[in-house]
Amino acid sequence: MAPRTNGELQDAFDTAKGAWGMCAAKVDMIVDCQTKAQAKIDAELGRTKHE
C-alpha cells in the first residue's frame, strides 16, 4: 500500500535505505572475495595484475 502521510513516507524511505545499505554491503563482500580469488589464481599462474 502506498504511504498516505509524511510519517508513512519517511518510514518507507528508511526501510528502503536500510535494504539498500544491506545490498551494498553484500555487493562489496562479493567484489572483495572475487578480487582475492583472482589474485590467488594470478599468483599461482605467475601472472601480473591486470586491469
C-alpha atoms as a PDB file:
ATOM      1  CA  MET A   1       0.000   0.000   0.000  1.00  0.00           C
ATOM      2  CA  ALA A   2       1.232   3.493  -0.803  1.00  0.00           C
ATOM      3  CA  PRO A   3       2.185   5.800   2.066  1.00  0.00           C
ATOM      4  CA  ARG A   4      -0.611   8.225   2.947  1.00  0.00           C
ATOM      5  CA  THR A   5       1.205  10.537   5.347  1.00  0.00           C
ATOM      6  CA  ASN A   6       4.636  12.085   5.596  1.00  0.00           C
ATOM      7  CA  GLY A   7       5.364   9.760   8.512  1.00  0.00           C
ATOM      8  CA  GLU A   8       4.472   6.685   6.465  1.00  0.00           C
ATOM      9  CA  LEU A   9       6.551   8.008   3.576  1.00  0.00           C
ATOM     10  CA  GLN A  10       9.516   8.547   5.917  1.00  0.00           C
ATOM     11  CA  ASP A  11       9.130   5.006   7.281  1.00  0.00           C
ATOM     12  CA  ALA A  12       9.067   3.585   3.746  1.00  0.00           C
ATOM     13  CA  PHE A  13      12.145   5.624   2.851  1.00  0.00           C
ATOM     14  CA  ASP A  14      14.005   4.454   5.960  1.00  0.00           C
ATOM     15  CA  THR A  15      13.134   0.831   5.162  1.00  0.00           C
ATOM     16  CA  ALA A  16      14.313   1.199   1.562  1.00  0.00           C
ATOM     17  CA  LYS A  17      17.508   2.958   2.661  1.00  0.00           C
ATOM     18  CA  GLY A  18      18.280   0.150   5.105  1.00  0.00           C
ATOM     19  CA  ALA A  19      17.700  -2.514   2.461  1.00  0.00           C
ATOM     20  CA  TRP A  20      19.881  -0.578   0.008  1.00  0.00           C
ATOM     21  CA  GLY A  21      22.682  -0.454   2.571  1.00  0.00           C
ATOM     22  CA  MET A  22      22.466  -4.203   3.226  1.00  0.00           C
ATOM     23  CA  CYS A  23      22.540  -4.893  -0.510  1.00  0.00           C
ATOM     24  CA  ALA A  24      25.568  -2.629  -0.991  1.00  0.00           C
ATOM     25  CA  ALA A  25      27.406  -4.422   1.819  1.00  0.00           C
ATOM     26  CA  LYS A  26      26.747  -7.790   0.152  1.00  0.00           C
ATOM     27  CA  VAL A  27      27.975  -6.483  -3.204  1.00  0.00           C
ATOM     28  CA  ASP A  28      31.139  -5.142  -1.538  1.00  0.00           C
ATOM     29  CA  MET A  29      31.709  -8.540   0.104  1.00  0.00           C
ATOM     30  CA  ILE A  30      31.314 -10.360  -3.230  1.00  0.00           C
ATOM     31  CA  VAL A  31      33.669  -7.974  -5.046  1.00  0.00           C
ATOM     32  CA  ASP A  32      36.271  -8.359  -2.284  1.00  0.00           C
ATOM     33  CA  CYS A  33      36.002 -12.151  -2.410  1.00  0.00           C
ATOM     34  CA  GLN A  34      36.301 -12.234  -6.209  1.00  0.00           C
ATOM     35  CA  THR A  35      39.278  -9.856  -6.161  1.00  0.00           C
ATOM     36  CA  LYS A  36      41.106 -12.027  -3.622  1.00  0.00           C
ATOM     37  CA  ALA A  37      40.278 -15.207  -5.540  1.00  0.00           C
ATOM     38  CA  GLN A  38      41.533 -13.706  -8.802  1.00  0.00           C
ATOM     39  CA  ALA A  39      44.748 -12.509  -7.138  1.00  0.00           C
ATOM     40  CA  LYS A  40      45.338 -16.040  -5.838  1.00  0.00           C
ATOM     41  CA  ILE A  41      44.739 -17.528  -9.290  1.00  0.00           C
ATOM     42  CA  ASP A  42      47.049 -14.981 -10.898  1.00  0.00           C
ATOM     43  CA  ALA A  43      49.772 -15.684  -8.317  1.00  0.00           C
ATOM     44  CA  GLU A  44      49.508 -19.431  -8.886  1.00  0.00           C
ATOM     45  CA  LEU A  45      49.809 -18.939 -12.638  1.00  0.00           C
ATOM     46  CA  GLY A  46      52.602 -16.379 -12.324  1.00  0.00           C
ATOM     47  CA  ARG A  47      50.599 -13.621 -13.943  1.00  0.00           C
ATOM     48  CA  THR A  48      50.848  -9.944 -13.157  1.00  0.00           C
ATOM     49  CA  LYS A  49      47.828  -7.933 -12.046  1.00  0.00           C
ATOM     50  CA  HIS A  50      45.525  -6.967 -14.885  1.00  0.00           C
ATOM     51  CA  GLU A  51      43.020  -4.151 -15.137  1.00  0.00           C
END
